[in-house]
Amino acid sequence: MIGYPRSDRPRYMLLGLAFVLVAVLFVGFTVAIYRKAFTSTVDVTLQTDRVGTQLREGADVKVRGVRVGEVRAIAPSATGATLDLALDPDAVAEVPANVSAQLLPKTLFGERFVDLTIPDTPTRAIAAGDVIGQERTRSAIEVDQVLDNLLPTLQAVQPAQLATTLNAMSQALRGQGQPLGHTLVALDAYLKRFNPAVPDLVTDLDRLTPVADTYAEAAPHLFGGLDDLTTTSRTLVDERDRLEKLFLGVTDASNDLTDFLAHNQENLVDLAASSRPALQVLAKYAPEFPCLFRQVVEGIPRGDRTFGKGSAHPEQQRITIEISASRGKYVPGVDTPRFQDTRGPRCYKQVVPFPQYPPGGPLKDGTRHPPPPTDMPDPGLLGLIDPVPSTSGGSTRWTEGGTPPNGPIPLPLMGEPTPDPNPTPPGPR
């Protein structure tokens, strides 16, 4: 230990204090120089909606890639963030007041810097206190969104694996520049041809929306059908043995049918050919079938009443007997059957009593057709009533209150009928 006289102690204390003071001033002066406190700058403000995590104080401010200043301070604001920029006085003459700014990364993983974009129509030079706005062009917003979305991805990627992937890509692309260039040129030509079809693609996508909505509404029913199909599939699995037997039986039946067709193919062709005339007749009279079936159905209630169904005495039948004019016995050469009627399909109304001949005259079948009889009262009642003739539907009816024009008409009760005095001449042979 160095000794010194007690009288020199105050002098050494002052020297130590001066040394400490000099050291403090030196450190403060160094910090001030580092922080450029003695450098003349033009201070402006940048308003941005966000700065992210890669922009720090001291970040560069560039114009067209040339450094013109730095970020001095970052503070939050009501609309985003406020950045205090210190610009180089020698460079502000080239920076207009209506400049805009973007926050871009120096590299894919590097920190961000402030990139000032000079507009097409610059104004006066920027001055201290001016406020710079963030660039709001579409491309700038898209780049910013891409970078913001890329950051979480890069944070999730492990550096070692990324390095391995990039190394593998570099080795794969080494020496492939020319083929890759040809591929990019071909892709560019394809995109040029594809661009005119983009509006049609957008239209198709717009029209796809209602289709997708329809499928979305039908999705519950579709899934319900699939659920039911699961039950059906389970049933098929449970009945697999029976289905196998059924398929074997169908196979045997198919083989038998094949053999039958092979042995009877000529007969089937002949049958089809011989059936054609009959089928043509059925086709001609097909319009008559609905009327026929309808009248058959309508005749069921009349048949039930005839046989006493639903009456007080079901054992009694109610039948009306109509006597038609006799056509006489068959005379060879006169009543020879012929098919001469070509009226086609007809549908007659069911009237009571039904005339002996249908409307339009009797069928032309080659036989004689005597005149149809007139509706007469019961011969047993002749003399008890005074009939009066009345004409209805082409036939003469007799009611009470009159006499026939030629007097009472005798009707034979037994034996052969009275010959027709005016027989109908036979048709042409």
Protein backbone atom coordinates (compact mmCIF):
# COMPACT_ATOMS: atom_id res chain seq x y z
CA MET A 1 0.00 0.00 0.00
CA ILE A 2 1.33 3.39 -1.04
CA GLY A 3 1.45 5.81 1.81
CA TYR A 4 1.07 9.51 1.54
CA PRO A 5 1.08 12.30 4.11
CA ARG A 6 -2.15 13.19 5.76
CA SER A 7 -1.85 16.73 4.50
CA ASP A 8 -2.01 15.47 0.87
CA ARG A 9 -5.30 13.60 1.36
CA PRO A 10 -7.63 16.42 0.18
CA ARG A 11 -5.59 16.84 -2.97
CA TYR A 12 -5.87 13.15 -3.86
CA MET A 13 -9.60 13.15 -3.20
CA LEU A 14 -10.08 16.02 -5.61
CA LEU A 15 -8.02 14.20 -8.21
CA GLY A 16 -10.17 11.03 -7.83
CA LEU A 17 -13.35 13.02 -8.08
CA ALA A 18 -12.06 14.72 -11.24
CA PHE A 19 -11.15 11.33 -12.72
CA VAL A 20 -14.63 9.93 -12.09
CA LEU A 21 -16.17 13.08 -13.53
CA VAL A 22 -14.02 12.80 -16.65
CA ALA A 23 -14.94 9.13 -17.04
CA VAL A 24 -18.66 9.91 -16.76
CA LEU A 25 -18.37 12.74 -19.26
CA PHE A 26 -16.46 10.47 -21.63
CA VAL A 27 -19.11 7.74 -21.45
CA GLY A 28 -21.92 10.28 -21.89
CA PHE A 29 -20.13 11.88 -24.81
CA THR A 30 -19.62 8.44 -26.40
CA VAL A 31 -23.30 7.55 -25.98
CA ALA A 32 -24.34 10.90 -27.41
CA ILE A 33 -22.08 10.36 -30.39
CA TYR A 34 -23.51 6.83 -30.84
CA ARG A 35 -27.03 8.22 -30.68
CA LYS A 36 -26.04 10.97 -33.05
CA ALA A 37 -27.02 13.71 -30.67
CA PHE A 38 -24.55 16.05 -32.32
CA THR A 39 -25.66 15.15 -35.90
CA SER A 40 -27.95 17.57 -37.71
CA THR A 41 -31.14 15.83 -38.97
CA VAL A 42 -34.53 16.63 -40.41
CA ASP A 43 -37.10 15.08 -38.09
CA VAL A 44 -40.39 13.87 -39.67
CA THR A 45 -43.18 11.57 -38.51
CA LEU A 46 -44.50 8.36 -40.15
CA GLN A 47 -48.05 7.21 -39.40
CA THR A 48 -48.64 3.47 -39.94
CA ASP A 49 -51.29 1.00 -38.84
CA ARG A 50 -48.75 -1.51 -37.48
CA VAL A 51 -44.99 -2.07 -37.35
CA GLY A 52 -44.68 -5.75 -36.50
CA THR A 53 -41.92 -7.33 -34.47
CA GLN A 54 -39.04 -6.91 -36.93
CA LEU A 55 -38.86 -3.09 -36.97
CA ARG A 56 -36.73 -1.57 -34.22
CA GLU A 57 -35.23 1.79 -33.36
CA GLY A 58 -32.24 2.54 -35.55
CA ALA A 59 -33.74 0.79 -38.58
CA ASP A 60 -32.78 2.24 -41.92
CA VAL A 61 -34.89 4.66 -43.96
CA LYS A 62 -34.25 4.23 -47.68
CA VAL A 63 -35.31 5.86 -50.92
CA ARG A 64 -34.87 3.67 -54.00
CA GLY A 65 -32.41 1.51 -52.07
CA VAL A 66 -30.27 4.45 -50.81
CA ARG A 67 -30.09 5.07 -47.05
CA VAL A 68 -31.34 8.59 -46.23
CA GLY A 69 -32.02 8.31 -42.49
CA GLU A 70 -33.01 6.12 -39.61
CA VAL A 71 -35.84 5.40 -37.19
CA ARG A 72 -35.32 7.28 -33.94
CA ALA A 73 -38.41 6.28 -31.94
CA ILE A 74 -41.49 4.03 -32.18
CA ALA A 75 -44.61 4.84 -30.18
CA PRO A 76 -48.16 3.44 -30.26
CA SER A 77 -51.05 5.66 -31.35
CA ALA A 78 -54.84 5.49 -31.54
CA THR A 79 -54.75 4.34 -35.19
CA GLY A 80 -51.65 2.15 -35.08
CA ALA A 81 -48.08 3.37 -34.51
CA THR A 82 -46.07 6.56 -34.90
CA LEU A 83 -42.44 6.44 -36.06
CA ASP A 84 -40.03 9.36 -35.61
CA LEU A 85 -37.68 9.45 -38.59
CA ALA A 86 -34.41 11.34 -38.70
CA LEU A 87 -33.48 12.17 -42.30
CA ASP A 88 -30.08 13.26 -43.58
CA PRO A 89 -30.21 17.01 -44.40
CA ASP A 90 -28.13 16.40 -47.54
CA ALA A 91 -30.70 13.90 -48.88
CA VAL A 92 -34.01 15.64 -48.10
CA ALA A 93 -33.77 17.69 -51.26
CA GLU A 94 -34.47 14.49 -53.24
CA VAL A 95 -37.40 13.45 -51.00
CA PRO A 96 -40.74 15.16 -51.83
CA ALA A 97 -43.28 16.04 -49.16
CA ASN A 98 -45.96 13.75 -50.68
CA VAL A 99 -43.77 10.68 -50.30
CA SER A 100 -45.33 7.45 -48.91
CA ALA A 101 -43.73 4.64 -46.95
CA GLN A 102 -43.71 0.85 -46.73
CA LEU A 103 -42.26 -1.41 -44.07
CA LEU A 104 -40.28 -4.08 -45.93
CA PRO A 105 -37.87 -6.79 -44.75
CA LYS A 106 -34.25 -6.63 -45.86
CA THR A 107 -34.19 -10.39 -46.40
CA LEU A 108 -36.61 -13.26 -45.90
CA PHE A 109 -35.58 -13.58 -42.26
CA GLY A 110 -34.11 -10.09 -41.76
CA GLU A 111 -35.37 -7.05 -39.94
CA ARG A 112 -37.59 -4.48 -41.56
CA PHE A 113 -36.71 -1.04 -42.83
CA VAL A 114 -38.72 1.99 -43.98
CA ASP A 115 -38.88 2.25 -47.75
CA LEU A 116 -39.98 5.67 -48.99
CA THR A 117 -41.81 5.59 -52.33
CA ILE A 118 -41.62 8.70 -54.49
CA PRO A 119 -44.90 9.39 -56.38
CA ASP A 120 -45.15 10.10 -60.09
CA THR A 121 -45.87 13.80 -59.44
CA PRO A 122 -43.59 14.91 -56.58
CA THR A 123 -44.17 18.20 -54.79
CA ARG A 124 -41.82 20.36 -52.70
CA ALA A 125 -38.98 18.86 -50.70
CA ILE A 126 -39.86 17.38 -47.35
CA ALA A 127 -39.26 19.54 -44.28
CA ALA A 128 -38.99 19.06 -40.53
CA GLY A 129 -42.32 18.33 -38.90
CA ASP A 130 -43.96 16.83 -42.00
CA VAL A 131 -46.06 13.69 -41.61
CA ILE A 132 -45.54 10.76 -43.99
CA GLY A 133 -48.45 8.40 -44.65
CA GLN A 134 -48.31 4.68 -45.24
CA GLU A 135 -48.62 3.59 -48.86
CA ARG A 136 -52.15 2.29 -49.55
CA THR A 137 -51.80 0.96 -53.08
CA ARG A 138 -53.12 -2.51 -53.77
CA SER A 139 -49.69 -4.02 -54.39
CA ALA A 140 -48.30 -2.56 -51.17
CA ILE A 141 -51.21 -3.92 -49.13
CA GLU A 142 -50.85 -7.36 -50.72
CA VAL A 143 -47.10 -7.44 -50.00
CA ASP A 144 -47.74 -6.39 -46.42
CA GLN A 145 -50.39 -9.09 -45.97
CA VAL A 146 -48.11 -11.72 -47.44
CA LEU A 147 -45.31 -10.79 -45.10
CA ASP A 148 -47.62 -10.73 -42.08
CA ASN A 149 -49.01 -14.15 -42.96
CA LEU A 150 -45.53 -15.48 -43.63
CA LEU A 151 -44.19 -14.60 -40.20
CA PRO A 152 -46.22 -17.23 -38.23
CA THR A 153 -45.17 -19.83 -40.79
CA LEU A 154 -41.51 -18.96 -40.43
CA GLN A 155 -41.81 -19.05 -36.66
CA ALA A 156 -43.32 -22.54 -36.85
CA VAL A 157 -40.62 -23.86 -39.19
CA GLN A 158 -37.60 -25.41 -37.52
CA PRO A 159 -34.36 -23.78 -38.82
CA ALA A 160 -32.51 -27.09 -39.18
CA GLN A 161 -35.25 -28.64 -41.27
CA LEU A 162 -35.60 -25.48 -43.35
CA ALA A 163 -31.86 -25.45 -44.01
CA THR A 164 -32.00 -29.09 -45.08
CA THR A 165 -34.91 -28.36 -47.41
CA LEU A 166 -33.20 -25.34 -48.96
CA ASN A 167 -30.00 -27.33 -49.41
CA ALA A 168 -31.89 -30.11 -51.17
CA MET A 169 -33.63 -27.57 -53.41
CA SER A 170 -30.32 -25.93 -54.30
CA GLN A 171 -28.82 -29.28 -55.24
CA ALA A 172 -31.90 -30.19 -57.29
CA LEU A 173 -31.87 -26.86 -59.17
CA ARG A 174 -28.11 -26.82 -59.76
CA GLY A 175 -27.48 -27.07 -63.48
CA GLN A 176 -31.20 -26.91 -64.29
CA GLY A 177 -31.35 -23.23 -65.12
CA GLN A 178 -32.04 -23.64 -68.82
CA PRO A 179 -34.85 -26.24 -68.45
CA LEU A 180 -36.34 -24.15 -65.64
CA GLY A 181 -36.20 -21.09 -67.91
CA HIS A 182 -37.99 -22.97 -70.70
CA THR A 183 -40.60 -24.11 -68.19
CA LEU A 184 -41.18 -20.55 -66.99
CA VAL A 185 -41.47 -19.32 -70.59
CA ALA A 186 -44.02 -22.04 -71.37
CA LEU A 187 -45.89 -21.18 -68.18
CA ASP A 188 -45.93 -17.53 -69.18
CA ALA A 189 -47.38 -18.41 -72.60
CA TYR A 190 -50.00 -20.61 -70.96
CA LEU A 191 -51.01 -17.86 -68.54
CA LYS A 192 -51.28 -15.38 -71.41
CA ARG A 193 -53.76 -17.70 -73.10
CA PHE A 194 -55.53 -18.34 -69.82
CA ASN A 195 -55.99 -14.68 -68.85
CA PRO A 196 -58.79 -13.98 -71.40
CA ALA A 197 -60.80 -16.84 -69.84
CA VAL A 198 -60.53 -15.44 -66.31
CA PRO A 199 -63.85 -13.47 -66.56
CA ASP A 200 -65.64 -16.64 -67.66
CA LEU A 201 -64.03 -18.49 -64.76
CA VAL A 202 -65.20 -15.81 -62.33
CA THR A 203 -68.72 -16.03 -63.79
CA ASP A 204 -68.72 -19.81 -63.39
CA LEU A 205 -67.57 -19.46 -59.79
CA ASP A 206 -70.36 -16.96 -59.14
CA ARG A 207 -72.90 -19.36 -60.62
CA LEU A 208 -71.41 -22.14 -58.53
CA THR A 209 -72.57 -20.37 -55.38
CA PRO A 210 -76.32 -21.18 -55.72
CA VAL A 211 -75.43 -24.73 -56.73
CA ALA A 212 -73.29 -25.09 -53.61
CA ASP A 213 -76.15 -23.65 -51.53
CA THR A 214 -78.52 -26.21 -53.02
CA TYR A 215 -76.15 -29.04 -52.17
CA ALA A 216 -75.72 -27.60 -48.68
CA GLU A 217 -79.50 -27.68 -48.17
CA ALA A 218 -79.70 -31.20 -49.56
CA ALA A 219 -76.75 -32.44 -47.50
CA PRO A 220 -78.88 -33.59 -44.49
CA HIS A 221 -81.11 -35.65 -46.82
CA LEU A 222 -78.05 -37.00 -48.60
CA PHE A 223 -76.41 -38.06 -45.36
CA GLY A 224 -79.71 -39.52 -44.21
CA GLY A 225 -79.84 -41.57 -47.39
CA LEU A 226 -76.29 -42.75 -46.80
CA ASP A 227 -77.24 -43.74 -43.25
CA ASP A 228 -80.19 -45.72 -44.60
CA LEU A 229 -77.84 -47.25 -47.17
CA THR A 230 -75.72 -48.50 -44.29
CA THR A 231 -78.72 -50.42 -42.97
CA THR A 232 -79.39 -51.78 -46.45
CA SER A 233 -75.76 -52.87 -46.79
CA ARG A 234 -75.91 -54.59 -43.41
CA THR A 235 -79.05 -56.42 -44.51
CA LEU A 236 -77.34 -57.55 -47.72
CA VAL A 237 -74.44 -58.87 -45.68
CA ASP A 238 -76.80 -60.74 -43.36
CA GLU A 239 -78.69 -62.24 -46.31
CA ARG A 240 -75.56 -63.06 -48.28
CA ASP A 241 -76.21 -66.81 -48.35
CA ARG A 242 -79.77 -66.39 -49.60
CA LEU A 243 -78.64 -63.89 -52.23
CA GLU A 244 -75.99 -66.33 -53.38
CA LYS A 245 -78.64 -69.03 -53.76
CA LEU A 246 -80.88 -66.55 -55.59
CA PHE A 247 -78.10 -65.65 -58.01
CA LEU A 248 -77.39 -69.33 -58.61
CA GLY A 249 -81.08 -69.90 -59.32
CA VAL A 250 -81.19 -66.92 -61.66
CA THR A 251 -78.10 -68.27 -63.42
CA ASP A 252 -79.75 -71.66 -63.92
CA ALA A 253 -82.93 -70.00 -65.14
CA SER A 254 -80.90 -67.85 -67.54
CA ASN A 255 -79.17 -70.94 -68.89
CA ASP A 256 -82.51 -72.71 -69.35
CA LEU A 257 -83.94 -69.64 -71.06
CA THR A 258 -80.90 -69.50 -73.35
CA ASP A 259 -81.39 -73.13 -74.31
CA PHE A 260 -85.11 -72.55 -74.87
CA LEU A 261 -84.48 -69.56 -77.10
CA ALA A 262 -81.79 -71.43 -79.01
CA HIS A 263 -84.15 -74.35 -79.75
CA ASN A 264 -87.26 -72.25 -80.41
CA GLN A 265 -85.93 -69.15 -82.08
CA GLU A 266 -87.58 -69.99 -85.41
CA ASN A 267 -90.88 -70.75 -83.67
CA LEU A 268 -90.74 -67.43 -81.80
CA VAL A 269 -90.12 -65.56 -85.06
CA ASP A 270 -93.05 -67.37 -86.71
CA LEU A 271 -95.24 -66.66 -83.66
CA ALA A 272 -94.39 -62.96 -83.80
CA ALA A 273 -95.14 -62.86 -87.53
CA SER A 274 -98.46 -64.71 -87.18
CA SER A 275 -99.48 -62.57 -84.19
CA ARG A 276 -99.00 -59.33 -86.08
CA PRO A 277 -102.46 -59.28 -87.79
CA ALA A 278 -104.21 -60.00 -84.48
CA LEU A 279 -102.19 -57.30 -82.77
CA GLN A 280 -103.03 -54.86 -85.55
CA VAL A 281 -106.74 -55.56 -85.01
CA LEU A 282 -106.30 -55.06 -81.25
CA ALA A 283 -104.46 -51.80 -81.92
CA LYS A 284 -107.31 -50.66 -84.21
CA TYR A 285 -109.93 -51.33 -81.54
CA ALA A 286 -107.78 -50.15 -78.61
CA PRO A 287 -109.77 -46.86 -78.22
CA GLU A 288 -112.82 -49.01 -77.40
CA PHE A 289 -111.20 -50.80 -74.44
CA PRO A 290 -111.53 -47.98 -71.83
CA CYS A 291 -115.25 -47.66 -72.60
CA LEU A 292 -115.68 -51.45 -72.42
CA PHE A 293 -113.96 -51.77 -69.07
CA ARG A 294 -115.81 -48.75 -67.68
CA GLN A 295 -119.20 -50.22 -68.66
CA VAL A 296 -118.20 -53.56 -67.15
CA VAL A 297 -117.41 -51.80 -63.88
CA GLU A 298 -120.63 -49.79 -64.06
CA GLY A 299 -122.58 -53.00 -64.67
CA ILE A 300 -121.43 -54.54 -61.39
CA PRO A 301 -123.98 -52.60 -59.25
CA ARG A 302 -126.78 -53.53 -61.71
CA GLY A 303 -125.75 -57.16 -61.47
CA ASP A 304 -125.84 -56.96 -57.66
CA ARG A 305 -129.38 -55.50 -57.78
CA THR A 306 -130.45 -58.18 -60.27
CA PHE A 307 -129.37 -60.98 -57.94
CA GLY A 308 -130.96 -59.30 -54.92
CA LYS A 309 -127.85 -58.07 -53.15
CA GLY A 310 -128.74 -55.60 -50.42
CA SER A 311 -132.53 -56.12 -50.80
CA ALA A 312 -135.01 -57.43 -48.29
CA HIS A 313 -135.36 -60.67 -50.27
CA PRO A 314 -131.93 -61.55 -51.71
CA GLU A 315 -133.27 -64.93 -52.82
CA GLN A 316 -135.50 -63.20 -55.40
CA GLN A 317 -133.98 -62.18 -58.71
CA ARG A 318 -135.18 -59.18 -60.73
CA ILE A 319 -134.85 -59.79 -64.45
CA THR A 320 -136.39 -57.90 -67.36
CA ILE A 321 -136.87 -60.12 -70.43
CA GLU A 322 -136.92 -58.41 -73.82
CA ILE A 323 -138.24 -60.31 -76.83
CA SER A 324 -136.46 -59.51 -80.07
CA ALA A 325 -137.66 -60.18 -83.57
CA SER A 326 -136.81 -63.65 -84.85
CA ARG A 327 -134.31 -63.75 -87.66
CA GLY A 328 -135.62 -67.10 -88.88
CA LYS A 329 -133.71 -70.24 -89.50
CA TYR A 330 -130.39 -70.41 -91.27
CA VAL A 331 -130.72 -70.56 -95.02
CA PRO A 332 -127.64 -71.84 -96.87
CA GLY A 333 -126.45 -69.43 -99.51
CA VAL A 334 -128.52 -66.63 -97.99
CA ASP A 335 -127.19 -66.33 -94.45
CA THR A 336 -123.60 -67.07 -95.33
CA PRO A 337 -121.42 -65.24 -92.76
CA ARG A 338 -119.37 -62.40 -94.21
CA PHE A 339 -117.26 -59.71 -92.59
CA GLN A 340 -118.41 -56.55 -94.33
CA ASP A 341 -118.67 -54.13 -91.41
CA THR A 342 -115.89 -51.51 -91.37
CA ARG A 343 -117.23 -49.03 -88.83
CA GLY A 344 -114.27 -49.52 -86.48
CA PRO A 345 -114.28 -49.11 -82.69
CA ARG A 346 -117.56 -47.92 -81.17
CA CYS A 347 -118.84 -47.19 -77.68
CA TYR A 348 -122.62 -47.29 -77.15
CA LYS A 349 -124.48 -45.91 -74.18
CA GLN A 350 -126.16 -48.43 -71.93
CA VAL A 351 -129.91 -47.70 -72.21
CA VAL A 352 -132.88 -49.73 -71.00
CA PRO A 353 -134.21 -51.36 -73.01
CA PHE A 354 -131.27 -51.74 -75.38
CA PRO A 355 -132.41 -51.87 -79.03
CA GLN A 356 -132.04 -55.06 -81.04
CA TYR A 357 -129.71 -53.27 -83.46
CA PRO A 358 -127.13 -50.71 -82.35
CA PRO A 359 -127.19 -47.12 -83.58
CA GLY A 360 -126.05 -46.98 -87.18
CA GLY A 361 -127.85 -50.17 -88.17
CA PRO A 362 -127.18 -53.88 -87.71
CA LEU A 363 -123.82 -55.42 -88.24
CA LYS A 364 -123.05 -56.28 -91.83
CA ASP A 365 -122.33 -59.95 -91.29
CA GLY A 366 -123.98 -61.34 -94.44
CA THR A 367 -127.21 -62.50 -92.73
CA ARG A 368 -130.79 -61.24 -92.89
CA HIS A 369 -131.88 -58.53 -90.47
CA PRO A 370 -135.67 -58.24 -89.93
CA PRO A 371 -137.08 -54.96 -88.66
CA PRO A 372 -136.69 -54.56 -84.91
CA PRO A 373 -139.83 -55.14 -82.81
CA THR A 374 -141.83 -52.32 -81.29
CA ASP A 375 -142.18 -52.00 -77.54
CA MET A 376 -145.57 -53.56 -76.71
CA PRO A 377 -147.40 -54.00 -73.44
CA ASP A 378 -148.06 -57.45 -72.09
CA PRO A 379 -150.55 -59.21 -74.44
CA GLY A 380 -152.45 -60.33 -71.39
CA LEU A 381 -153.22 -56.72 -70.64
CA LEU A 382 -154.65 -55.95 -74.11
CA GLY A 383 -158.27 -54.91 -73.69
CA LEU A 384 -157.62 -53.82 -70.12
CA ILE A 385 -155.77 -50.71 -71.17
CA ASP A 386 -156.19 -48.31 -74.03
CA PRO A 387 -152.68 -47.78 -75.36
CA VAL A 388 -151.57 -44.58 -77.01
CA PRO A 389 -148.67 -44.64 -79.46
CA SER A 390 -145.64 -42.52 -78.76
CA THR A 391 -142.40 -42.37 -80.68
CA SER A 392 -139.13 -42.28 -78.73
CA GLY A 393 -135.65 -43.10 -79.99
CA GLY A 394 -136.83 -44.53 -83.34
CA SER A 395 -139.22 -47.13 -81.77
CA THR A 396 -142.97 -47.11 -81.11
CA ARG A 397 -144.10 -47.41 -77.50
CA TRP A 398 -147.71 -47.92 -76.34
CA THR A 399 -149.09 -46.26 -73.27
CA GLU A 400 -152.52 -46.08 -71.70
CA GLY A 401 -155.09 -43.90 -73.51
CA GLY A 402 -154.83 -45.01 -77.21
CA THR A 403 -155.08 -47.88 -79.74
CA PRO A 404 -152.60 -49.10 -82.31
CA PRO A 405 -153.18 -47.64 -85.77
CA ASN A 406 -154.06 -51.09 -87.21
CA GLY A 407 -155.88 -52.44 -84.18
CA PRO A 408 -154.59 -54.93 -81.60
CA ILE A 409 -151.48 -56.79 -82.66
CA PRO A 410 -151.70 -60.53 -81.95
CA LEU A 411 -148.50 -62.07 -80.64
CA PRO A 412 -147.81 -65.81 -80.90
CA LEU A 413 -147.42 -67.43 -77.50
CA MET A 414 -146.20 -70.79 -78.79
CA GLY A 415 -144.79 -72.36 -81.96
CA GLU A 416 -142.87 -70.75 -84.80
CA PRO A 417 -142.88 -66.98 -85.10
CA THR A 418 -144.91 -65.34 -87.83
CA PRO A 419 -142.81 -65.00 -91.00
CA ASP A 420 -141.60 -61.54 -91.83
CA PRO A 421 -143.75 -60.24 -94.73
CA ASN A 422 -140.88 -57.89 -95.80
CA PRO A 423 -137.62 -59.74 -95.29
CA THR A 424 -134.41 -57.83 -95.64
CA PRO A 425 -132.65 -58.85 -98.86
CA PRO A 426 -129.34 -60.59 -98.32
CA GLY A 427 -126.17 -58.67 -98.70
CA PRO A 428 -123.78 -59.11 -101.58
CA ARG A 429 -121.88 -62.31 -101.65
